[in-house]
Protein backbone atom coordinates (compact mmCIF):
# COMPACT_ATOMS: atom_id res chain seq x y z
CA UNK A 1 13.25 1.01 33.77
CA UNK A 2 14.29 -1.81 31.54
CA UNK A 3 10.83 -3.78 32.09
CA UNK A 4 9.37 -0.30 30.54
CA UNK A 5 11.43 -0.49 27.45
CA UNK A 6 10.82 -4.48 27.39
CA UNK A 7 7.21 -3.61 27.45
CA UNK A 8 7.26 -0.97 24.92
CA UNK A 9 9.32 -3.14 22.71
CA UNK A 10 6.71 -6.11 22.94
CA UNK A 11 3.71 -4.23 22.37
CA UNK A 12 5.02 -1.96 19.87
CA UNK A 13 6.98 -4.51 17.89
CA UNK A 14 3.76 -7.04 18.60
CA UNK A 15 1.21 -4.27 16.61
CA UNK A 16 4.29 -4.08 13.93
CA UNK A 17 4.08 -7.60 13.30
CA UNK A 18 0.64 -7.86 13.31
CA UNK A 19 0.17 -5.21 10.67
CA UNK A 20 2.87 -6.72 8.88
CA UNK A 21 1.77 -10.15 8.99
CA UNK A 22 -1.67 -8.91 8.25
CA UNK A 23 -0.89 -8.16 4.82
CA UNK A 24 0.41 -11.32 3.81
CA UNK A 25 -2.45 -13.44 5.63
CA UNK A 26 -4.76 -11.35 3.58
CA UNK A 27 -6.17 -10.05 7.05
CA UNK A 28 -8.25 -6.92 7.62
CA UNK A 29 -5.75 -5.15 9.96
CA UNK A 30 -5.24 -1.48 9.82
CA UNK A 31 -3.92 0.26 12.74
CA UNK A 32 -3.82 3.97 11.16
CA UNK A 33 -6.13 6.88 11.53
CA UNK A 34 -6.56 10.16 9.33
CA UNK A 35 -4.87 12.93 11.10
CA UNK A 36 -5.77 16.81 9.98
CA UNK A 37 -2.37 18.74 10.72
CA UNK A 38 -3.77 22.08 10.16
CA UNK A 39 -6.65 21.17 12.78
CA UNK A 40 -4.00 19.86 15.29
CA UNK A 41 -1.66 22.71 14.87
CA UNK A 42 -4.83 25.04 15.64
CA UNK A 43 -5.49 22.66 18.77
CA UNK A 44 -1.86 22.74 19.72
CA UNK A 45 -1.86 26.48 19.89
CA UNK A 46 -5.23 26.42 21.65
CA UNK A 47 -4.03 24.11 24.38
CA UNK A 48 -4.45 20.73 22.44
CA UNK A 49 -1.95 17.90 23.41
CA UNK A 50 1.15 17.02 21.24
CA UNK A 51 -0.45 13.58 20.98
CA UNK A 52 -3.08 14.93 18.31
CA UNK A 53 0.20 15.26 15.87
CA UNK A 54 0.48 11.59 15.67
CA UNK A 55 -1.64 9.05 13.86
CA UNK A 56 -2.20 5.58 15.54
CA UNK A 57 0.48 4.15 13.14
CA UNK A 58 3.03 6.82 14.30
CA UNK A 59 2.27 6.02 17.84
CA UNK A 60 3.16 2.33 17.59
CA UNK A 61 6.15 3.29 15.70
CA UNK A 62 7.27 5.53 18.58
CA UNK A 63 6.48 3.17 21.43
CA UNK A 64 8.26 0.51 19.25
CA UNK A 65 11.42 2.89 18.88
CA UNK A 66 11.84 3.85 22.12
CA UNK A 67 11.31 -0.01 23.67
CA UNK A 68 14.26 -1.04 21.01
CA UNK A 69 16.53 1.95 21.76
CA UNK A 70 16.11 1.61 25.72
CA UNK A 71 16.43 -1.71 25.93
CA UNK A 72 19.70 -1.82 23.31
CA UNK A 73 21.36 0.99 25.51
CA UNK A 74 20.25 -0.68 28.83
CA UNK A 75 22.11 -3.27 27.44
CA UNK A 76 25.48 -1.74 26.01
CA UNK A 77 25.61 0.61 29.44
CA UNK A 78 24.50 -2.56 31.68
CA UNK A 79 21.93 -0.23 33.46
CA UNK A 80 24.76 2.42 34.55
CA UNK A 81 23.37 5.33 32.47
CA UNK A 82 19.35 5.57 33.37
CA UNK A 83 18.80 9.63 32.73
CA UNK A 84 20.96 9.48 29.42
CA UNK A 85 19.19 5.99 28.18
CA UNK A 86 15.79 7.16 29.14
CA UNK A 87 16.51 10.71 27.35
CA UNK A 88 18.20 8.78 24.05
CA UNK A 89 15.19 6.18 23.92
CA UNK A 90 12.74 8.92 24.16
CA UNK A 91 14.16 10.95 21.62
CA UNK A 92 14.44 7.99 19.21
CA UNK A 93 10.97 7.19 19.51
CA UNK A 94 9.52 10.68 18.85
CA UNK A 95 11.62 10.83 15.77
CA UNK A 96 10.53 7.50 14.50
CA UNK A 97 7.14 8.29 15.18
CA UNK A 98 7.72 11.79 13.77
CA UNK A 99 9.35 9.88 10.42
CA UNK A 100 6.67 7.70 10.35
CA UNK A 101 4.08 10.07 10.43
CA UNK A 102 5.73 12.82 7.88
CA UNK A 103 6.46 9.67 5.18
CA UNK A 104 2.72 7.97 5.41
CA UNK A 105 1.54 11.54 5.36
CA UNK A 106 3.58 12.07 2.12
CA UNK A 107 2.18 9.02 0.41
CA UNK A 108 -1.16 9.76 1.47
CA UNK A 109 -0.89 13.27 -0.25
CA UNK A 110 0.79 12.12 -3.35
CA UNK A 111 -1.27 8.92 -3.80
CA UNK A 112 2.46 7.20 -4.27
CA UNK A 113 1.24 3.97 -3.40
CA UNK A 114 -2.22 4.06 -4.45
CA UNK A 115 -2.99 1.46 -7.19
CA UNK A 116 -3.96 2.16 -10.46
CA UNK A 117 -7.54 1.51 -11.49
CA UNK A 118 -8.84 -1.09 -13.57
CA UNK A 119 -9.58 2.17 -16.21
CA UNK A 120 -5.68 2.44 -16.53
CA UNK A 121 -6.02 -0.94 -18.96
CA UNK A 122 -8.31 1.25 -21.57
CA UNK A 123 -6.04 1.26 -24.61
CA UNK A 124 -3.61 -1.34 -23.72
CA UNK A 125 -3.21 -3.95 -26.69
CA UNK A 126 -2.17 -7.65 -25.88
CA UNK A 127 -3.19 -11.16 -26.94
CA UNK A 128 -5.88 -13.46 -26.35
CA UNK A 129 -4.67 -16.24 -23.69
CA UNK A 130 -7.69 -17.99 -23.67
CA UNK A 131 -10.73 -18.39 -26.51
CA UNK A 132 -13.16 -15.60 -26.35
CA UNK A 133 -16.45 -16.51 -27.85
CA UNK A 134 -19.47 -14.26 -29.03
CA UNK A 135 -21.47 -14.32 -25.74
CA UNK A 136 -18.94 -15.66 -23.67
CA UNK A 137 -15.87 -14.65 -21.53
CA UNK A 138 -12.26 -15.74 -22.02
CA UNK A 139 -8.96 -14.06 -20.85
CA UNK A 140 -6.54 -11.69 -22.27
CA UNK A 141 -2.65 -10.75 -21.18
CA UNK A 142 -1.60 -7.23 -21.63
CA UNK A 143 1.56 -5.39 -20.80
CA UNK A 144 1.26 -2.40 -18.56
CA UNK A 145 4.60 -1.10 -17.84
CA UNK A 146 7.59 -3.87 -17.23
CA UNK A 147 4.54 -6.56 -16.13
CA UNK A 148 2.21 -8.85 -17.75
CA UNK A 149 -1.12 -9.16 -16.28
CA UNK A 150 -3.79 -11.60 -17.29
CA UNK A 151 -7.59 -10.42 -17.13
CA UNK A 152 -10.83 -11.93 -17.81
CA UNK A 153 -12.23 -10.50 -21.41
CA UNK A 154 -15.39 -10.45 -23.63
CA UNK A 155 -16.00 -9.08 -26.64
CA UNK A 156 -16.72 -5.80 -27.03
CA UNK A 157 -20.16 -4.55 -28.09
CA UNK A 158 -18.78 -2.59 -31.15
CA UNK A 159 -17.49 -5.47 -32.94
CA UNK A 160 -19.82 -7.95 -34.25
CA UNK A 161 -18.20 -11.12 -35.38
CA UNK A 162 -19.35 -14.79 -35.66
CA UNK A 163 -16.04 -16.38 -34.90
CA UNK A 164 -14.27 -16.45 -31.42
CA UNK A 165 -10.99 -14.82 -30.70
CA UNK A 166 -8.65 -17.59 -30.36
CA UNK A 167 -5.44 -17.79 -27.99
CA UNK A 168 -2.67 -15.44 -29.52
CA UNK A 169 -4.99 -13.09 -31.52
CA UNK A 170 -4.04 -9.25 -30.79
CA UNK A 171 -6.42 -7.39 -29.17
CA UNK A 172 -7.03 -4.05 -27.80
CA UNK A 173 -8.81 -3.10 -24.43
CA UNK A 174 -11.70 -0.56 -25.58
CA UNK A 175 -13.43 -0.59 -21.96
CA UNK A 176 -13.23 -2.09 -18.37
CA UNK A 177 -16.51 -2.74 -16.24
CA UNK A 178 -16.41 -4.35 -13.22
CA UNK A 179 -13.29 -6.16 -13.65
CA UNK A 180 -14.21 -7.56 -17.17
CA UNK A 181 -12.10 -6.32 -20.39
CA UNK A 182 -14.27 -5.40 -23.23
CA UNK A 183 -11.87 -6.18 -26.50
CA UNK A 184 -11.75 -5.95 -30.02
CA UNK A 185 -9.12 -7.41 -32.23
CA UNK A 186 -6.51 -5.08 -33.94
CA UNK A 187 -3.96 -5.66 -36.88
CA UNK A 188 -0.49 -6.35 -36.47
CA UNK A 189 0.43 -2.57 -37.13
CA UNK A 190 -1.07 -1.32 -33.94
CA UNK A 191 0.95 -3.88 -31.96
CA UNK A 192 4.20 -2.58 -33.64
CA UNK A 193 3.31 1.43 -32.37
């Protein structure tokens, strides 16, 4: 049975590592699948399998939890309690898969982990960090929450000026389009508010 625990630990851990390091290496690896819980409950009521309750991510976490708990208990007890080890490992695997499925379901429903779109920059004040000449682009630095964000910018169409906005000049973002902010200069009174 130790071989099965180690296999599950290696396969589940391998996929988890691939998912984790794929984010850092800018890989496009996603091992999640959408699951409709209501449809899955109906399928269970009409003879569907329990495997439909889990996404692929939850199944991989369950596999890892089963392998980790089984391997650890096998080593702690020296292989002397195979039935108890298998029962605890199975329960741990199902619990970890269900927990992961619940957490990611909650995050998906509430959009807690969603990135704010570029339109969230509209109305923010900041200052020019790279000169913006009429007809060309520069960059501005704005504060959103506790972070300072530097974005590419151009002078707004509604602001007609012959002179460039120099570095340090206060501006407000009036529009965002394709990642480029349209800005207009503001007075110091607006920045104080």
